[in-house]
N, C-alpha and C. Protein backbone atom coordinates (compact mmCIF):
# COMPACT_ATOMS: atom_id res chain seq x y z
N UNK A 1 -66.37 -134.77 4.07
CA UNK A 1 -65.51 -134.01 3.04
C UNK A 1 -66.64 -133.49 2.01
N UNK A 2 -66.50 -132.06 1.99
CA UNK A 2 -67.51 -131.01 1.01
C UNK A 2 -67.66 -131.56 -0.14
N UNK A 3 -68.77 -131.58 -0.70
CA UNK A 3 -69.49 -132.11 -1.99
C UNK A 3 -69.28 -130.98 -3.22
N UNK A 4 -68.89 -129.73 -2.83
CA UNK A 4 -68.60 -128.64 -3.87
C UNK A 4 -67.12 -128.91 -4.07
N UNK A 5 -66.07 -129.12 -3.10
CA UNK A 5 -64.85 -129.24 -3.18
C UNK A 5 -64.50 -130.55 -4.51
N UNK A 6 -65.17 -131.50 -4.05
CA UNK A 6 -64.86 -132.91 -4.93
C UNK A 6 -65.08 -132.41 -6.27
N UNK A 7 -66.63 -131.85 -6.27
CA UNK A 7 -66.87 -131.66 -7.74
C UNK A 7 -65.89 -130.75 -8.50
N UNK A 8 -65.45 -129.65 -7.82
CA UNK A 8 -64.41 -128.70 -8.46
C UNK A 8 -63.34 -129.61 -8.72
N UNK A 9 -62.81 -130.31 -8.02
CA UNK A 9 -61.61 -131.27 -8.41
C UNK A 9 -61.86 -132.20 -9.50
N UNK A 10 -62.92 -132.76 -9.52
CA UNK A 10 -63.68 -133.58 -10.56
C UNK A 10 -63.47 -132.79 -11.72
N UNK A 11 -64.15 -131.57 -11.96
CA UNK A 11 -64.31 -130.66 -13.35
C UNK A 11 -62.74 -130.38 -13.72
N UNK A 12 -61.96 -130.17 -12.59
CA UNK A 12 -60.63 -129.63 -13.13
C UNK A 12 -59.95 -131.03 -13.72
N UNK A 13 -60.03 -132.07 -13.14
CA UNK A 13 -59.53 -133.30 -13.58
C UNK A 13 -60.11 -133.63 -15.27
N UNK A 14 -61.10 -133.50 -15.37
CA UNK A 14 -62.02 -133.54 -16.60
C UNK A 14 -61.24 -132.76 -17.57
N UNK A 15 -61.28 -131.44 -17.22
CA UNK A 15 -60.75 -130.66 -17.99
C UNK A 15 -59.24 -131.13 -18.43
N UNK A 16 -58.42 -131.54 -17.65
CA UNK A 16 -56.95 -131.88 -18.00
C UNK A 16 -57.17 -132.89 -19.00
N UNK A 17 -58.10 -134.05 -18.57
CA UNK A 17 -58.39 -135.14 -19.12
C UNK A 17 -58.68 -134.95 -20.70
N UNK A 18 -59.36 -134.18 -20.71
CA UNK A 18 -60.03 -133.81 -22.44
C UNK A 18 -59.00 -133.13 -23.02
N UNK A 19 -58.12 -132.42 -22.48
CA UNK A 19 -56.99 -131.72 -23.08
C UNK A 19 -56.10 -132.69 -23.47
N UNK A 20 -55.68 -133.67 -22.64
CA UNK A 20 -54.70 -134.85 -23.12
C UNK A 20 -55.16 -135.38 -23.80
N UNK A 21 -56.73 -136.15 -24.17
CA UNK A 21 -57.02 -136.74 -25.08
C UNK A 21 -57.11 -136.13 -26.34
N UNK A 22 -57.39 -134.78 -26.40
CA UNK A 22 -57.46 -133.99 -27.64
C UNK A 22 -55.99 -134.07 -28.24
N UNK A 23 -55.10 -133.95 -27.57
CA UNK A 23 -53.54 -133.99 -27.88
C UNK A 23 -53.39 -135.38 -28.56
N UNK A 24 -53.86 -136.13 -27.67
CA UNK A 24 -53.36 -137.86 -27.88
C UNK A 24 -53.92 -138.61 -29.30
N UNK A 25 -55.22 -138.22 -29.38
CA UNK A 25 -56.09 -138.94 -30.44
C UNK A 25 -55.46 -138.59 -31.80
N UNK A 26 -55.07 -137.73 -32.53
CA UNK A 26 -54.54 -137.59 -33.54
C UNK A 26 -53.27 -138.71 -33.80
N UNK A 27 -52.52 -138.63 -32.78
CA UNK A 27 -51.48 -139.62 -32.55
C UNK A 27 -51.80 -140.99 -32.65
N UNK A 28 -52.76 -141.10 -31.78
CA UNK A 28 -53.32 -142.42 -31.72
C UNK A 28 -53.98 -143.06 -32.92
N UNK A 29 -54.66 -142.23 -33.69
CA UNK A 29 -55.38 -142.71 -34.74
C UNK A 29 -54.37 -142.88 -36.20
N UNK A 30 -53.14 -142.50 -36.22
CA UNK A 30 -52.25 -142.07 -36.91
C UNK A 30 -51.55 -143.71 -36.56
N UNK A 31 -51.06 -143.96 -35.50
CA UNK A 31 -50.68 -145.29 -35.24
C UNK A 31 -51.64 -146.64 -35.74
N UNK A 32 -52.79 -146.35 -35.22
CA UNK A 32 -53.73 -147.08 -35.37
C UNK A 32 -53.88 -147.65 -36.85
N UNK A 33 -53.79 -146.55 -37.63
CA UNK A 33 -54.37 -146.83 -39.05
C UNK A 33 -52.93 -147.46 -39.80
N UNK A 34 -51.83 -147.03 -39.49
CA UNK A 34 -50.66 -147.56 -39.86
C UNK A 34 -50.55 -149.08 -39.51
N UNK A 35 -50.84 -149.30 -38.21
CA UNK A 35 -50.76 -150.69 -37.80
C UNK A 35 -51.92 -151.63 -38.39
N UNK A 36 -52.95 -151.16 -38.87
CA UNK A 36 -54.05 -151.82 -39.52
C UNK A 36 -53.61 -152.11 -40.82
N UNK A 37 -52.92 -151.01 -41.69
CA UNK A 37 -52.40 -151.21 -43.08
C UNK A 37 -51.31 -152.28 -43.01
N UNK A 38 -50.56 -152.11 -41.79
CA UNK A 38 -49.19 -153.21 -41.92
C UNK A 38 -49.73 -154.73 -41.85
N UNK A 39 -50.79 -154.68 -40.98
CA UNK A 39 -51.52 -156.14 -41.08
C UNK A 39 -52.19 -156.62 -42.25
N UNK A 40 -52.57 -155.72 -42.86
CA UNK A 40 -53.24 -156.12 -44.13
C UNK A 40 -52.20 -156.43 -45.04
N UNK A 41 -51.06 -155.53 -45.16
CA UNK A 41 -50.08 -155.64 -46.11
C UNK A 41 -49.36 -157.13 -45.73
N UNK A 42 -49.37 -157.58 -44.51
CA UNK A 42 -48.59 -158.65 -44.32
C UNK A 42 -49.19 -159.88 -44.65
N UNK A 43 -50.99 -159.98 -44.52
CA UNK A 43 -51.77 -161.03 -44.69
C UNK A 43 -51.71 -161.40 -46.28
């Protein structure tokens, strides 16, 4: 298999992955903070 093709596919994958992470992180942070606050509130 050609190394350049593999590298290209990998870079494309990273690009899509980074876009997904950028969209997801704010949501995740909100969920995580509310979960932490809920646990503090419960204890």
